[in-house]
Amino acid sequence: MNEYDEICLEYFLNHQQQLFEEKVAKNPEEAEEFLEDCMAVVCQDIQEVREYFNEEGADIAQMSDEDLEEAAEVFALPDGRYLVVEA
C-alpha cells in the first residue's frame, strides 16, 4: 500500500487536469481515495519510474527520461519524487 503524503495529495489536486479533462477529486481525502483506487505509485526518482513502467509491460524503451517526465500519467512532485497515476 502506498502512503500518499501531503505533498503528493496537494500536488495531484492542483495538477490532476494534466491527466483528466475534469477534476476527479475536490479535496485531499478524495485525492487519496482516488489514488488508492487506481493504485498510483510514488517513485523516488525517474529511474524508479522507468522500472515501474517496465514491470507493467509498457513499451518505453525508446523514451528518454525527459519523455517519461512529460508523460501525462507522471506527476513530477516538487520534492523530486514522482507520482505515477494510471487511470
C-alpha atoms as a PDB file:
ATOM      1  CA  MET A   1       0.000   0.000   0.000  1.00  0.00           C
ATOM      2  CA  ASN A   2       1.363   3.384  -0.960  1.00  0.00           C
ATOM      3  CA  GLU A   3       1.461   6.161   1.546  1.00  0.00           C
ATOM      4  CA  TYR A   4       0.340   9.360  -0.108  1.00  0.00           C
ATOM      5  CA  ASP A   5       1.704  12.235   1.934  1.00  0.00           C
ATOM      6  CA  GLU A   6       0.502  15.822   1.899  1.00  0.00           C
ATOM      7  CA  ILE A   7       2.912  16.751  -0.928  1.00  0.00           C
ATOM      8  CA  CYS A   8       1.503  14.006  -3.180  1.00  0.00           C
ATOM      9  CA  LEU A   9      -2.103  14.817  -2.404  1.00  0.00           C
ATOM     10  CA  GLU A  10      -1.811  18.578  -2.799  1.00  0.00           C
ATOM     11  CA  TYR A  11       0.215  18.294  -6.000  1.00  0.00           C
ATOM     12  CA  PHE A  12      -2.243  15.833  -7.502  1.00  0.00           C
ATOM     13  CA  LEU A  13      -5.185  18.055  -6.531  1.00  0.00           C
ATOM     14  CA  ASN A  14      -3.582  21.078  -8.184  1.00  0.00           C
ATOM     15  CA  HIS A  15      -2.397  19.253 -11.326  1.00  0.00           C
ATOM     16  CA  GLN A  16      -4.959  16.473 -11.871  1.00  0.00           C
ATOM     17  CA  GLN A  17      -6.115  18.066 -15.123  1.00  0.00           C
ATOM     18  CA  GLN A  18      -2.788  17.212 -16.754  1.00  0.00           C
ATOM     19  CA  LEU A  19      -4.256  13.681 -16.957  1.00  0.00           C
ATOM     20  CA  PHE A  20      -8.025  14.149 -16.710  1.00  0.00           C
ATOM     21  CA  GLU A  21     -10.306  16.560 -18.557  1.00  0.00           C
ATOM     22  CA  GLU A  22     -12.404  17.109 -15.450  1.00  0.00           C
ATOM     23  CA  LYS A  23     -11.353  17.100 -11.822  1.00  0.00           C
ATOM     24  CA  VAL A  24     -11.616  13.704 -10.148  1.00  0.00           C
ATOM     25  CA  ALA A  25     -11.025  14.992  -6.603  1.00  0.00           C
ATOM     26  CA  LYS A  26     -12.036  18.142  -4.743  1.00  0.00           C
ATOM     27  CA  ASN A  27     -10.060  17.718  -1.512  1.00  0.00           C
ATOM     28  CA  PRO A  28      -7.136  15.713  -0.090  1.00  0.00           C
ATOM     29  CA  GLU A  29      -9.416  12.921   1.174  1.00  0.00           C
ATOM     30  CA  GLU A  30     -10.948  12.412  -2.273  1.00  0.00           C
ATOM     31  CA  ALA A  31      -7.499  12.596  -3.860  1.00  0.00           C
ATOM     32  CA  GLU A  32      -6.171   9.903  -1.533  1.00  0.00           C
ATOM     33  CA  GLU A  33      -9.167   7.659  -2.203  1.00  0.00           C
ATOM     34  CA  PHE A  34      -8.796   8.135  -5.957  1.00  0.00           C
ATOM     35  CA  LEU A  35      -5.047   7.421  -5.895  1.00  0.00           C
ATOM     36  CA  GLU A  36      -5.620   4.291  -3.820  1.00  0.00           C
ATOM     37  CA  ASP A  37      -8.388   3.106  -6.162  1.00  0.00           C
ATOM     38  CA  CYS A  38      -6.186   3.391  -9.241  1.00  0.00           C
ATOM     39  CA  MET A  39      -3.144   2.068  -7.351  1.00  0.00           C
ATOM     40  CA  ALA A  40      -0.972   5.082  -8.086  1.00  0.00           C
ATOM     41  CA  VAL A  41       2.667   4.666  -7.095  1.00  0.00           C
ATOM     42  CA  VAL A  42       5.201   7.067  -5.643  1.00  0.00           C
ATOM     43  CA  CYS A  43       8.692   6.710  -7.135  1.00  0.00           C
ATOM     44  CA  GLN A  44      11.842   8.179  -5.621  1.00  0.00           C
ATOM     45  CA  ASP A  45      13.426   9.101  -8.973  1.00  0.00           C
ATOM     46  CA  ILE A  46      12.944   8.841 -12.736  1.00  0.00           C
ATOM     47  CA  GLN A  47      14.836   5.530 -12.833  1.00  0.00           C
ATOM     48  CA  GLU A  48      12.239   4.053 -10.491  1.00  0.00           C
ATOM     49  CA  VAL A  49       9.515   5.392 -12.807  1.00  0.00           C
ATOM     50  CA  ARG A  50      11.225   3.610 -15.710  1.00  0.00           C
ATOM     51  CA  GLU A  51      11.435   0.367 -13.700  1.00  0.00           C
ATOM     52  CA  TYR A  52       7.744   0.641 -12.804  1.00  0.00           C
ATOM     53  CA  PHE A  53       6.673   1.022 -16.447  1.00  0.00           C
ATOM     54  CA  ASN A  54       8.965  -1.847 -17.481  1.00  0.00           C
ATOM     55  CA  GLU A  55       7.413  -4.100 -14.822  1.00  0.00           C
ATOM     56  CA  GLU A  56       3.955  -3.112 -16.082  1.00  0.00           C
ATOM     57  CA  GLY A  57       4.942  -4.130 -19.613  1.00  0.00           C
ATOM     58  CA  ALA A  58       4.773  -0.624 -21.088  1.00  0.00           C
ATOM     59  CA  ASP A  59       6.753  -0.053 -24.270  1.00  0.00           C
ATOM     60  CA  ILE A  60       9.039   2.750 -23.106  1.00  0.00           C
ATOM     61  CA  ALA A  61      12.393   1.525 -24.439  1.00  0.00           C
ATOM     62  CA  GLN A  62      12.637   4.425 -26.892  1.00  0.00           C
ATOM     63  CA  MET A  63      11.599   7.068 -24.350  1.00  0.00           C
ATOM     64  CA  SER A  64      14.186   9.341 -22.785  1.00  0.00           C
ATOM     65  CA  ASP A  65      13.958  10.309 -19.125  1.00  0.00           C
ATOM     66  CA  GLU A  66      12.618  13.683 -20.270  1.00  0.00           C
ATOM     67  CA  ASP A  67       9.906  11.949 -22.320  1.00  0.00           C
ATOM     68  CA  LEU A  68       8.923   9.926 -19.257  1.00  0.00           C
ATOM     69  CA  GLU A  69       8.780  13.041 -17.102  1.00  0.00           C
ATOM     70  CA  GLU A  70       6.424  14.647 -19.638  1.00  0.00           C
ATOM     71  CA  ALA A  71       4.047  11.670 -19.833  1.00  0.00           C
ATOM     72  CA  ALA A  72       0.544  12.684 -18.715  1.00  0.00           C
ATOM     73  CA  GLU A  73       0.424   9.976 -16.051  1.00  0.00           C
ATOM     74  CA  VAL A  74       3.718  11.047 -14.471  1.00  0.00           C
ATOM     75  CA  PHE A  75       3.479  13.872 -11.949  1.00  0.00           C
ATOM     76  CA  ALA A  76       6.859  15.389 -11.012  1.00  0.00           C
ATOM     77  CA  LEU A  77       6.475  16.279  -7.346  1.00  0.00           C
ATOM     78  CA  PRO A  78       8.196  19.419  -6.025  1.00  0.00           C
ATOM     79  CA  ASP A  79      10.434  17.364  -3.718  1.00  0.00           C
ATOM     80  CA  GLY A  80      11.990  15.396  -6.599  1.00  0.00           C
ATOM     81  CA  ARG A  81       9.809  12.301  -6.362  1.00  0.00           C
ATOM     82  CA  TYR A  82       7.293  11.180  -8.975  1.00  0.00           C
ATOM     83  CA  LEU A  83       3.657  10.154  -8.667  1.00  0.00           C
ATOM     84  CA  VAL A  84       2.554   7.731 -11.391  1.00  0.00           C
ATOM     85  CA  VAL A  85      -1.217   7.583 -11.944  1.00  0.00           C
ATOM     86  CA  GLU A  86      -2.546   5.083 -14.450  1.00  0.00           C
ATOM     87  CA  ALA A  87      -6.230   5.734 -14.881  1.00  0.00           C
END
